[in-house]
């Protein structure tokens, strides 16, 4: 069953305010954030503790999301920080309340 967070998106995860950044794209943002938080991806985001969703934008097509991700990955760090701070100056974890129930099952596609 689709939720309001099950959509194609380009996103940025961070280890904290002004911390390590990771840009990605997905067809299911809720599931992808869950995977980052539970460290289901061994590698960069796991090693650098990128578990906070600090920016995302919805896209109509997966190809658009991938293109945007690749562009962002080539940007200077200052540009990425400006993108985040434009809409999230407090560096809130935008998914903080998505998984607040510890008894909640993983989102669809998270397995």
Protein backbone atom coordinates (compact mmCIF):
# COMPACT_ATOMS: atom_id res chain seq x y z
CA UNK A 1 0.00 0.00 0.00
CA UNK A 2 1.46 3.36 -1.01
CA UNK A 3 1.95 6.13 1.52
CA UNK A 4 2.56 9.82 1.13
CA UNK A 5 6.30 9.03 1.37
CA UNK A 6 6.29 6.33 -1.31
CA UNK A 7 7.37 8.29 -4.34
CA UNK A 8 10.33 8.89 -6.63
CA UNK A 9 12.78 11.30 -5.05
CA UNK A 10 16.28 12.70 -5.00
CA UNK A 11 17.47 13.09 -1.42
CA UNK A 12 20.35 14.03 0.86
CA UNK A 13 21.21 12.16 4.04
CA UNK A 14 23.59 13.64 6.62
CA UNK A 15 25.41 12.55 9.74
CA UNK A 16 24.29 15.78 11.43
CA UNK A 17 24.41 19.55 10.99
CA UNK A 18 27.21 20.36 8.53
CA UNK A 19 28.31 16.73 8.75
CA UNK A 20 29.00 14.15 6.09
CA UNK A 21 26.54 14.28 3.20
CA UNK A 22 25.22 11.58 0.89
CA UNK A 23 23.05 12.25 -2.17
CA UNK A 24 20.86 9.51 -3.57
CA UNK A 25 17.73 8.75 -5.55
CA UNK A 26 14.97 6.21 -5.01
CA UNK A 27 11.54 5.13 -6.10
CA UNK A 28 10.45 4.68 -2.46
CA UNK A 29 11.81 7.35 -0.10
CA UNK A 30 10.33 5.88 3.07
CA UNK A 31 11.89 2.48 2.44
CA UNK A 32 15.26 3.97 1.48
CA UNK A 33 15.44 6.12 4.62
CA UNK A 34 14.56 3.04 6.69
CA UNK A 35 17.46 1.17 5.06
CA UNK A 36 19.89 3.99 5.82
CA UNK A 37 18.73 4.16 9.45
CA UNK A 38 19.00 0.42 9.99
CA UNK A 39 22.37 0.35 8.21
CA UNK A 40 21.14 -2.15 5.65
CA UNK A 41 23.66 -0.68 3.18
CA UNK A 42 27.22 -1.54 4.17
CA UNK A 43 29.46 1.17 2.81
CA UNK A 44 29.62 4.94 2.79
CA UNK A 45 26.42 5.91 4.60
CA UNK A 46 26.94 3.22 7.20
CA UNK A 47 30.60 4.12 7.81
CA UNK A 48 29.88 7.85 8.06
CA UNK A 49 26.60 7.57 10.01
CA UNK A 50 24.45 9.30 7.37
CA UNK A 51 21.08 8.54 8.95
CA UNK A 52 19.31 11.94 8.90
CA UNK A 53 17.16 12.92 5.95
CA UNK A 54 17.89 16.64 5.55
CA UNK A 55 16.62 17.36 2.03
CA UNK A 56 14.54 15.74 -0.68
CA UNK A 57 12.53 16.61 -3.74
CA UNK A 58 9.91 14.56 -5.49
CA UNK A 59 10.39 13.68 -9.15
CA UNK A 60 7.94 12.42 -11.77
CA UNK A 61 10.35 9.94 -13.34
CA UNK A 62 13.16 7.82 -11.94
CA UNK A 63 15.46 8.99 -14.74
CA UNK A 64 14.92 12.61 -13.59
CA UNK A 65 15.78 11.67 -10.01
CA UNK A 66 18.97 9.90 -11.07
CA UNK A 67 20.05 12.84 -13.23
CA UNK A 68 19.45 15.26 -10.35
CA UNK A 69 21.40 13.00 -7.96
CA UNK A 70 24.37 12.85 -10.34
CA UNK A 71 24.35 16.64 -10.74
CA UNK A 72 24.25 17.19 -6.98
CA UNK A 73 27.09 14.72 -6.40
CA UNK A 74 29.30 16.88 -8.65
CA UNK A 75 28.48 20.10 -6.79
CA UNK A 76 30.80 21.86 -4.38
CA UNK A 77 30.01 21.21 -0.73
CA UNK A 78 28.96 24.85 -0.22
CA UNK A 79 26.30 24.47 -2.93
CA UNK A 80 24.91 21.36 -1.24
CA UNK A 81 24.82 23.13 2.12
CA UNK A 82 22.96 26.07 0.54
CA UNK A 83 20.44 23.68 -1.03
CA UNK A 84 19.74 22.07 2.35
CA UNK A 85 19.63 25.34 4.29
CA UNK A 86 17.29 27.01 1.79
CA UNK A 87 14.36 24.93 3.10
CA UNK A 88 15.83 23.32 6.23
CA UNK A 89 17.98 25.93 7.98
CA UNK A 90 17.73 24.06 11.29
CA UNK A 91 18.93 20.81 9.71
CA UNK A 92 15.89 18.96 11.08
CA UNK A 93 15.69 15.27 10.33
CA UNK A 94 12.75 15.39 7.92
CA UNK A 95 11.94 11.75 8.61
CA UNK A 96 12.21 11.98 12.41
CA UNK A 97 8.60 10.98 13.00
CA UNK A 98 8.30 8.42 10.20
CA UNK A 99 9.56 5.52 12.31
CA UNK A 100 8.72 6.64 15.85
CA UNK A 101 6.75 3.49 16.70
CA UNK A 102 9.30 0.79 17.65
CA UNK A 103 6.67 -1.93 17.04
CA UNK A 104 5.99 -0.72 13.52
CA UNK A 105 6.90 -3.07 10.73
CA UNK A 106 9.36 -1.92 8.09
CA UNK A 107 7.87 0.04 5.20
CA UNK A 108 7.00 -1.79 1.99
CA UNK A 109 10.09 -2.62 -0.02
CA UNK A 110 12.39 -2.35 3.02
CA UNK A 111 13.13 -6.03 3.26
